[in-house]
Amino acid sequence: MTADSAAESLARLADERVDHRFKGLPPDADGLTVGELAAQRRNLFTGGFATPVLALSAERLEHNLKLMEVYADRHGLAFAPHGKTSMAPQLFHRQIEHGAWGITLAVPHQVRVARAFGIRRVFLANELVDPAALRWTAAELDADPDFRFVCYVDSVRGVELMDAALRGASRRVDVVVELAAGEGARTGVRTEAECAAVADAVAGTRTLRLVGVAGYEGEVPQAERVTAWLRRLVALAVDFDKAGRFTGLDEIVVSAGGSAWFDAVADVFAGIPELSLPVLKLLRSGAYVSHDDGHYRKLTPFNRVPEEGALEPAFRLWTQVVSRPTAEQAFVNAGKRDAAYDLDLPFAQVVRRDGAERPATGVSVTALSDQHAWLRTTPEADLEVGDWVGLGLSHPCTSFDKWPLIPVAEADGTVVDYVRTYF
């Protein structure tokens, strides 16, 4: 796909008609295109939007994009943010405009979405063994010499399955051996000896090309263990290089980095010794784009390195009080269908009434039903039926996926864009 056709694909998003598929949007906007609705610059609070409605802050979104661009550049890292967080091609392209090398993804469908919108570099953080997906990937590589695709391998059996599905393809598929991040880790090869066996299996094929090593440290709970594993990953790259496993390449890929430990990745990758080829030090953190008010607010490395800046939570779920049965209880009209709840419940942040906004003092979310949030209210809570309550959310990955079209609003409520997601 050319740059022009990618731009055309993005532009076509504005031609989609607004209708019942997109919750929260103004009912009187039915029939308008997304572009026409955006051009009206309606106000989120007075422009006919129906609660519940999830909104992204335009200013905070831009702040987060710039912050990670600067961070990666400062530390000499290439950046392939994980696209599974948003599955929003508009955000993929904004990330690339802010210096990203490419986009990381998790499953074949996500790669198809990225390719449909012209993403030219994809890192698939999984071993790909599905024959149909492998054949599709091979066809994409054969059709587009500018398409760069890299994926994990973590077993000899996986290599054998990939090789069988790819026979007849004209381009080899680039792979990195995934080293598991220690005891209790998710996927990945457990020992260096097994890594060598997997690398040998790759070398024995005509369909795969070993280009580096990688892994994911996000499930590891302690900084010391993360650092120790990252050093093992670097040592594995060094050993593979000494053994001549990367002969004939232009660069060696060494990749890690979720959203909880990218400071450790930066520190350890800064010490990668000189190898026989340049090293692509590839960071893959994804949650930063919207950040959050819960899980990642607590875990972000910027808490440990505040001198490097701070991410800002860009999501707010606007709900409306629909019942106030007692002085200690209220209900708003958003629940599990609308808000992330897998890591934390939403957080009551602000209340709006008659155009005025104030802190949600004395209001907390205690439970979610499918379409209701249960609120506990203390005596200082001033809450009435009809009030809008703005909720902060935890875990971006399970927030984006509930909203196929998300308004992007400026601080005064002016909606300037809409982000389309594909889950």
Protein backbone atom coordinates (compact mmCIF):
# COMPACT_ATOMS: atom_id res chain seq x y z
CA MET A 1 0.00 0.00 0.00
CA THR A 2 1.36 3.40 -0.97
CA ALA A 3 1.37 6.46 1.28
CA ASP A 4 -1.38 7.95 -0.89
CA SER A 5 -3.63 4.90 -0.54
CA ALA A 6 -3.03 4.85 3.23
CA ALA A 7 -4.09 8.47 3.42
CA GLU A 8 -7.16 7.66 1.34
CA SER A 9 -8.09 4.83 3.73
CA LEU A 10 -7.87 7.19 6.70
CA ALA A 11 -9.83 9.86 4.85
CA ARG A 12 -12.62 7.38 4.16
CA LEU A 13 -13.19 7.07 7.90
CA ALA A 14 -14.70 10.55 7.75
CA ASP A 15 -17.20 9.33 5.13
CA GLU A 16 -18.80 6.75 7.42
CA ARG A 17 -22.40 7.58 8.30
CA VAL A 18 -23.38 8.16 11.90
CA ASP A 19 -26.26 5.98 13.07
CA HIS A 20 -27.46 3.61 15.79
CA ARG A 21 -24.17 1.63 15.71
CA PHE A 22 -22.33 4.36 17.59
CA LYS A 23 -23.52 4.86 21.14
CA GLY A 24 -23.35 8.22 22.86
CA LEU A 25 -23.52 10.30 19.68
CA PRO A 26 -26.28 12.87 19.17
CA PRO A 27 -29.48 11.21 17.90
CA ASP A 28 -30.07 14.14 15.55
CA ALA A 29 -26.73 13.43 13.87
CA ASP A 30 -28.07 10.27 12.23
CA GLY A 31 -27.28 10.35 8.53
CA LEU A 32 -24.39 12.78 8.81
CA THR A 33 -20.93 11.56 7.95
CA VAL A 34 -18.35 11.49 10.71
CA GLY A 35 -16.55 14.31 8.91
CA GLU A 36 -19.68 16.42 8.73
CA LEU A 37 -20.39 15.89 12.42
CA ALA A 38 -16.80 16.77 13.34
CA ALA A 39 -17.02 19.94 11.28
CA GLN A 40 -19.98 21.07 13.39
CA ARG A 41 -17.66 21.18 16.44
CA ARG A 42 -20.51 20.36 18.77
CA ASN A 43 -20.05 20.68 22.51
CA LEU A 44 -19.90 17.39 24.39
CA PHE A 45 -22.22 18.74 27.11
CA THR A 46 -24.68 20.88 25.17
CA GLY A 47 -24.52 19.48 21.63
CA GLY A 48 -26.96 16.61 21.98
CA PHE A 49 -24.59 13.83 23.03
CA ALA A 50 -26.40 11.12 24.99
CA THR A 51 -25.06 9.53 28.15
CA PRO A 52 -23.18 7.37 28.63
CA VAL A 53 -20.50 8.71 26.32
CA LEU A 54 -16.77 8.10 26.43
CA ALA A 55 -14.53 11.00 25.42
CA LEU A 56 -10.82 11.44 24.84
CA SER A 57 -9.10 14.67 25.82
CA ALA A 58 -7.54 16.27 22.73
CA GLU A 59 -4.88 18.05 24.77
CA ARG A 60 -3.91 15.07 26.91
CA LEU A 61 -3.78 12.73 23.95
CA GLU A 62 -1.33 15.05 22.19
CA HIS A 63 0.69 15.47 25.39
CA ASN A 64 1.12 11.70 25.78
CA LEU A 65 2.10 11.21 22.14
CA LYS A 66 4.78 13.89 22.41
CA LEU A 67 6.07 12.68 25.78
CA MET A 68 6.81 9.14 24.61
CA GLU A 69 8.31 10.42 21.36
CA VAL A 70 10.76 12.51 23.38
CA TYR A 71 11.41 9.68 25.84
CA ALA A 72 12.25 7.15 23.12
CA ASP A 73 14.48 9.62 21.31
CA ARG A 74 16.30 10.61 24.51
CA HIS A 75 17.12 6.98 25.28
CA GLY A 76 18.05 5.92 21.77
CA LEU A 77 15.09 3.58 21.43
CA ALA A 78 13.03 2.73 18.39
CA PHE A 79 9.35 2.66 19.33
CA ALA A 80 6.63 0.26 18.15
CA PRO A 81 3.72 1.01 20.49
CA HIS A 82 1.29 -1.83 21.04
CA GLY A 83 -1.72 -1.19 18.84
CA LYS A 84 -3.98 -3.67 20.65
CA THR A 85 -4.55 -0.92 23.23
CA SER A 86 -6.63 1.26 20.93
CA MET A 87 -7.07 -0.65 17.64
CA ALA A 88 -7.56 2.81 16.16
CA PRO A 89 -5.80 3.39 12.82
CA GLN A 90 -6.01 7.17 13.30
CA LEU A 91 -3.99 6.80 16.49
CA PHE A 92 -1.57 4.38 14.82
CA HIS A 93 -0.74 7.05 12.26
CA ARG A 94 -0.46 9.77 14.89
CA GLN A 95 1.97 7.55 16.79
CA ILE A 96 4.03 7.09 13.64
CA GLU A 97 3.92 10.85 12.99
CA HIS A 98 5.36 11.18 16.49
CA GLY A 99 8.36 9.07 15.59
CA ALA A 100 7.19 5.48 16.03
CA TRP A 101 9.12 2.88 14.00
CA GLY A 102 5.95 0.87 13.48
CA ILE A 103 3.09 -0.73 15.40
CA THR A 104 3.10 -3.81 17.62
CA LEU A 105 0.08 -6.11 17.43
CA ALA A 106 -1.04 -9.34 19.06
CA VAL A 107 -3.18 -11.40 16.64
CA PRO A 108 -3.61 -11.74 12.86
CA HIS A 109 -6.88 -9.79 12.69
CA GLN A 110 -5.13 -6.78 14.16
CA VAL A 111 -2.42 -7.04 11.52
CA ARG A 112 -5.08 -7.05 8.82
CA VAL A 113 -6.58 -3.86 10.26
CA ALA A 114 -3.17 -2.19 10.35
CA ARG A 115 -2.40 -3.20 6.78
CA ALA A 116 -5.81 -1.97 5.58
CA PHE A 117 -4.73 1.46 6.78
CA GLY A 118 -1.23 1.40 5.37
CA ILE A 119 0.93 0.49 8.38
CA ARG A 120 4.25 -0.58 6.87
CA ARG A 121 6.07 -2.01 9.88
CA VAL A 122 4.39 -4.52 12.17
CA PHE A 123 5.86 -6.38 15.14
CA LEU A 124 3.58 -9.29 16.07
CA ALA A 125 4.23 -10.07 19.73
CA ASN A 126 3.12 -13.67 19.40
CA GLU A 127 4.15 -16.87 17.68
CA LEU A 128 2.05 -17.14 14.53
CA VAL A 129 1.12 -20.74 13.68
CA ASP A 130 -2.29 -20.38 12.00
CA PRO A 131 -1.82 -21.55 8.38
CA ALA A 132 -4.41 -19.19 6.88
CA ALA A 133 -2.91 -16.18 8.67
CA LEU A 134 0.60 -17.20 7.64
CA ARG A 135 -0.41 -17.52 4.00
CA TRP A 136 -2.09 -14.11 4.13
CA THR A 137 1.04 -12.60 5.70
CA ALA A 138 3.23 -14.16 3.04
CA ALA A 139 0.98 -12.74 0.32
CA GLU A 140 1.22 -9.27 1.90
CA LEU A 141 5.01 -9.53 2.00
CA ASP A 142 5.17 -10.75 -1.59
CA ALA A 143 2.89 -7.95 -2.81
CA ASP A 144 4.59 -5.10 -0.96
CA PRO A 145 8.40 -4.95 -0.79
CA ASP A 146 8.14 -2.07 1.70
CA PHE A 147 6.16 -4.14 4.23
CA ARG A 148 8.28 -5.19 7.24
CA PHE A 149 6.84 -7.92 9.44
CA VAL A 150 8.47 -9.50 12.50
CA CYS A 151 6.96 -12.07 14.87
CA TYR A 152 7.95 -14.28 17.79
CA VAL A 153 9.00 -17.91 17.69
CA ASP A 154 9.14 -19.80 20.98
CA SER A 155 9.19 -23.49 20.06
CA VAL A 156 10.64 -25.91 17.56
CA ARG A 157 7.12 -27.17 16.90
CA GLY A 158 6.00 -23.61 16.12
CA VAL A 159 8.87 -23.23 13.65
CA GLU A 160 7.86 -26.46 11.95
CA LEU A 161 4.24 -25.34 11.61
CA MET A 162 5.29 -21.95 10.24
CA ASP A 163 7.66 -23.54 7.76
CA ALA A 164 5.01 -25.92 6.48
CA ALA A 165 2.46 -23.14 5.94
CA LEU A 166 4.93 -20.77 4.26
CA ARG A 167 6.44 -23.05 1.66
CA GLY A 168 6.22 -21.44 -1.73
CA ALA A 169 6.39 -17.87 -0.42
CA SER A 170 9.00 -15.70 -2.13
CA ARG A 171 10.04 -13.71 0.96
CA ARG A 172 11.15 -15.18 4.25
CA VAL A 173 9.23 -14.16 7.37
CA ASP A 174 11.41 -12.39 9.94
CA VAL A 175 11.27 -13.91 13.41
CA VAL A 176 12.76 -13.21 16.84
CA VAL A 177 13.26 -15.86 19.50
CA GLU A 178 11.08 -15.01 22.49
CA LEU A 179 12.83 -15.47 25.83
CA ALA A 180 10.37 -15.99 28.68
CA ALA A 181 10.68 -13.45 31.48
CA GLY A 182 11.52 -15.91 34.23
CA GLU A 183 9.46 -18.17 36.46
CA GLY A 184 5.72 -17.76 36.10
CA ALA A 185 6.09 -15.94 32.79
CA ARG A 186 3.54 -16.08 30.03
CA THR A 187 4.84 -17.29 26.64
CA GLY A 188 8.47 -17.67 25.58
CA VAL A 189 11.35 -20.12 25.65
CA ARG A 190 12.37 -20.94 29.22
CA THR A 191 16.12 -21.64 28.87
CA GLU A 192 19.00 -20.40 26.72
CA ALA A 193 19.64 -23.95 25.52
CA GLU A 194 16.08 -24.17 24.26
CA CYS A 195 16.48 -20.76 22.62
CA ALA A 196 19.45 -22.14 20.69
CA ALA A 197 17.38 -25.13 19.60
CA VAL A 198 14.63 -22.86 18.32
CA ALA A 199 17.21 -20.72 16.49
CA ASP A 200 18.69 -23.86 14.93
CA ALA A 201 15.22 -24.87 13.76
CA VAL A 202 14.76 -21.46 12.11
CA ALA A 203 18.13 -21.77 10.40
CA GLY A 204 17.03 -25.12 8.99
CA THR A 205 14.13 -23.58 7.07
CA ARG A 206 13.95 -21.68 3.79
CA THR A 207 10.88 -19.74 4.88
CA LEU A 208 12.01 -17.98 8.08
CA ARG A 209 14.84 -15.58 8.91
CA LEU A 210 16.13 -15.05 12.45
CA VAL A 211 16.56 -11.30 13.03
CA GLY A 212 16.87 -11.00 16.81
CA VAL A 213 15.52 -11.73 20.27
CA ALA A 214 12.60 -10.35 22.24
CA GLY A 215 10.22 -10.86 25.12
CA TYR A 216 7.72 -9.28 27.48
CA GLU A 217 8.47 -8.41 31.08
CA GLY A 218 5.09 -6.98 32.04
CA GLU A 219 4.01 -9.94 34.17
CA VAL A 220 7.12 -9.71 36.37
CA PRO A 221 6.32 -7.94 39.66
CA GLN A 222 9.78 -6.85 40.87
CA ALA A 223 12.28 -4.40 39.37
CA GLU A 224 15.27 -6.61 40.22
CA ARG A 225 13.77 -9.57 38.37
CA VAL A 226 12.89 -7.40 35.38
CA THR A 227 16.45 -6.08 35.18
CA ALA A 228 17.92 -9.59 35.53
CA TRP A 229 15.73 -10.88 32.73
CA LEU A 230 16.56 -7.96 30.45
CA ARG A 231 20.25 -8.69 30.96
CA ARG A 232 19.61 -12.31 30.01
CA LEU A 233 17.86 -11.09 26.86
CA VAL A 234 20.83 -8.90 25.92
CA ALA A 235 23.25 -11.75 26.67
CA LEU A 236 21.22 -14.03 24.41
CA ALA A 237 21.54 -11.52 21.56
CA VAL A 238 25.29 -11.31 22.17
CA ASP A 239 25.65 -15.11 22.18
CA PHE A 240 23.60 -15.50 19.00
CA ASP A 241 25.71 -12.82 17.32
CA LYS A 242 28.97 -14.51 18.32
CA ALA A 243 27.63 -17.76 16.90
CA GLY A 244 27.02 -16.07 13.55
CA ARG A 245 23.26 -16.46 13.66
CA PHE A 246 22.65 -12.94 12.28
CA THR A 247 24.94 -13.11 9.26
CA GLY A 248 23.54 -11.36 6.21
CA LEU A 249 21.22 -8.97 8.07
CA ASP A 250 21.22 -5.17 8.10
CA GLU A 251 20.44 -4.96 11.83
CA ILE A 252 19.74 -7.05 14.92
CA VAL A 253 16.41 -6.62 16.69
CA VAL A 254 16.36 -6.61 20.49
CA SER A 255 12.88 -5.86 21.79
CA ALA A 256 11.00 -5.64 25.09
CA GLY A 257 8.92 -3.17 27.02
CA GLY A 258 5.35 -3.07 28.22
CA SER A 259 3.93 -0.02 29.95
CA ALA A 260 5.14 -0.84 33.47
CA TRP A 261 8.92 -1.23 33.12
CA PHE A 262 10.09 0.74 30.09
CA ASP A 263 12.54 2.65 32.33
CA ALA A 264 14.32 -0.63 33.07
CA VAL A 265 14.32 -1.45 29.34
CA ALA A 266 15.91 1.93 28.59
CA ASP A 267 18.58 1.43 31.27
CA VAL A 268 19.57 -2.09 30.25
CA PHE A 269 19.35 -1.50 26.50
CA ALA A 270 21.67 1.50 26.91
CA GLY A 271 24.34 -1.02 27.90
CA ILE A 272 24.02 -3.32 24.88
CA PRO A 273 27.61 -3.87 23.72
CA GLU A 274 28.73 -3.31 20.17
CA LEU A 275 27.64 -6.22 18.01
CA SER A 276 28.54 -7.18 14.47
CA LEU A 277 25.61 -5.14 13.16
CA PRO A 278 23.60 -2.11 14.32
CA VAL A 279 21.01 -2.96 16.96
CA LEU A 280 17.35 -1.93 16.65
CA LYS A 281 16.43 -1.40 20.31
CA LEU A 282 12.68 -1.73 20.02
CA LEU A 283 10.35 -0.58 22.82
CA ARG A 284 6.69 -1.68 22.60
CA SER A 285 4.71 0.13 25.34
CA GLY A 286 1.13 0.88 24.27
CA ALA A 287 -1.07 2.05 27.15
CA TYR A 288 0.59 5.47 27.22
CA VAL A 289 -1.56 6.82 24.38
CA SER A 290 -4.55 7.35 26.66
CA HIS A 291 -2.94 6.38 29.98
CA ASP A 292 -5.55 5.89 32.74
CA ASP A 293 -6.74 6.86 36.20
CA GLY A 294 -6.01 3.52 37.88
CA HIS A 295 -3.72 0.63 37.01
CA TYR A 296 -1.21 2.46 34.83
CA ARG A 297 -1.35 5.65 36.86
CA LYS A 298 0.06 3.52 39.71
CA LEU A 299 2.50 1.49 37.60
CA THR A 300 3.90 3.99 35.12
CA PRO A 301 7.69 4.29 35.18
CA PHE A 302 7.30 8.07 35.18
CA ASN A 303 6.46 7.72 38.88
CA ARG A 304 10.04 6.47 39.33
CA VAL A 305 11.61 9.02 36.98
CA PRO A 306 9.46 12.16 37.45
CA GLU A 307 12.18 14.34 35.98
CA GLU A 308 11.35 12.80 32.57
CA GLY A 309 7.75 14.02 32.61
CA ALA A 310 4.34 12.55 33.37
CA LEU A 311 1.62 10.92 31.32
CA GLU A 312 -1.90 12.29 31.65
CA PRO A 313 -5.13 10.25 31.72
CA ALA A 314 -7.02 11.13 28.56
CA PHE A 315 -10.25 9.14 29.03
CA ARG A 316 -13.39 10.27 30.79
CA LEU A 317 -16.67 8.37 30.75
CA TRP A 318 -19.61 10.73 31.14
CA THR A 319 -22.66 9.19 32.78
CA GLN A 320 -25.92 10.52 34.21
CA VAL A 321 -27.57 9.95 37.56
CA VAL A 322 -30.81 8.07 36.86
CA SER A 323 -31.74 7.06 40.40
CA ARG A 324 -31.11 8.42 43.91
CA PRO A 325 -33.04 5.98 46.07
CA THR A 326 -31.41 6.86 49.41
CA ALA A 327 -29.07 9.44 50.90
CA GLU A 328 -26.28 6.86 50.74
CA GLN A 329 -26.81 5.51 47.24
CA ALA A 330 -27.15 6.61 43.63
CA PHE A 331 -27.05 4.95 40.24
CA VAL A 332 -25.66 6.19 36.93
CA ASN A 333 -26.45 4.79 33.50
CA ALA A 334 -23.14 3.16 32.59
CA GLY A 335 -21.91 -0.28 33.53
CA LYS A 336 -19.87 -3.23 32.33
CA ARG A 337 -20.91 -2.61 28.73
CA ASP A 338 -19.33 0.83 28.85
CA ALA A 339 -16.47 0.91 31.38
CA ALA A 340 -13.33 -1.12 31.96
CA TYR A 341 -13.61 -3.15 35.15
CA ASP A 342 -11.10 -6.01 34.80
CA LEU A 343 -8.41 -4.30 36.90
CA ASP A 344 -10.23 -1.59 38.88
CA LEU A 345 -13.70 -0.13 39.11
CA PRO A 346 -14.17 3.34 37.61
CA PHE A 347 -13.43 6.40 39.74
CA ALA A 348 -15.99 9.17 40.29
CA GLN A 349 -14.12 12.38 39.50
CA VAL A 350 -16.42 15.28 38.69
CA VAL A 351 -20.09 16.24 38.72
CA ARG A 352 -21.71 18.61 36.19
CA ARG A 353 -24.96 20.46 36.84
CA ASP A 354 -26.31 23.45 34.91
CA GLY A 355 -23.00 23.90 33.10
CA ALA A 356 -20.89 24.02 36.26
CA GLU A 357 -18.34 21.33 37.07
CA ARG A 358 -17.05 20.42 40.54
CA PRO A 359 -15.17 17.55 42.19
CA ALA A 360 -17.24 14.44 42.95
CA THR A 361 -16.67 14.82 46.67
CA GLY A 362 -18.16 11.98 48.68
CA VAL A 363 -19.01 9.88 45.64
CA SER A 364 -17.44 6.47 44.92
CA VAL A 365 -18.20 3.56 42.61
CA THR A 366 -18.76 0.32 44.52
CA ALA A 367 -20.00 -2.07 41.81
CA LEU A 368 -21.05 -2.37 38.18
CA SER A 369 -24.07 -4.05 36.66
CA ASP A 370 -24.40 -4.44 32.91
CA GLN A 371 -25.83 -0.93 32.43
CA HIS A 372 -25.53 0.70 35.85
CA ALA A 373 -22.77 1.82 38.15
CA TRP A 374 -23.54 1.64 41.86
CA LEU A 375 -22.47 4.78 43.69
CA ARG A 376 -21.96 5.20 47.42
CA THR A 377 -22.54 8.75 48.61
CA THR A 378 -21.48 10.29 51.93
CA PRO A 379 -23.23 13.28 53.57
CA GLU A 380 -21.00 15.82 51.78
CA ALA A 381 -22.01 14.48 48.36
CA ASP A 382 -24.27 16.87 46.43
CA LEU A 383 -25.83 14.63 43.82
CA GLU A 384 -29.23 14.76 42.12
CA VAL A 385 -31.04 12.81 39.42
CA GLY A 386 -30.02 14.30 36.08
CA ASP A 387 -26.48 15.28 37.12
CA TRP A 388 -23.66 14.22 34.83
CA VAL A 389 -20.89 12.29 36.59
CA GLY A 390 -17.48 12.02 34.93
CA LEU A 391 -15.74 8.72 35.63
CA GLY A 392 -12.04 7.98 35.32
CA LEU A 393 -11.18 4.50 34.03
CA SER A 394 -8.50 1.91 34.67
CA HIS A 395 -6.87 -0.14 31.88
CA PRO A 396 -7.03 1.46 28.43
CA CYS A 397 -7.09 -1.87 26.58
CA THR A 398 -10.53 -2.74 27.96
CA SER A 399 -11.83 0.80 27.62
CA PHE A 400 -11.24 1.38 23.91
CA ASP A 401 -12.81 -1.95 22.99
CA LYS A 402 -16.28 -0.99 24.24
CA TRP A 403 -16.58 2.10 22.02
CA PRO A 404 -16.45 1.89 18.20
CA LEU A 405 -16.48 5.68 17.73
CA ILE A 406 -15.03 7.96 20.40
CA PRO A 407 -15.37 11.77 20.47
CA VAL A 408 -12.15 13.72 20.97
CA ALA A 409 -12.97 16.83 22.99
CA GLU A 410 -11.01 19.94 23.87
CA ALA A 411 -10.94 21.22 27.44
CA ASP A 412 -14.04 23.39 26.92
CA GLY A 413 -16.01 20.41 25.59
CA THR A 414 -15.70 21.20 21.87
CA VAL A 415 -15.57 17.91 19.97
CA VAL A 416 -12.94 18.24 17.25
CA ASP A 417 -12.58 14.66 16.01
CA TYR A 418 -13.86 11.09 16.33
CA VAL A 419 -11.63 8.03 16.74
CA ARG A 420 -12.83 4.80 15.06
CA THR A 421 -11.80 1.51 16.69
CA TYR A 422 -11.70 -2.00 15.17
CA PHE A 423 -11.94 -4.85 17.68
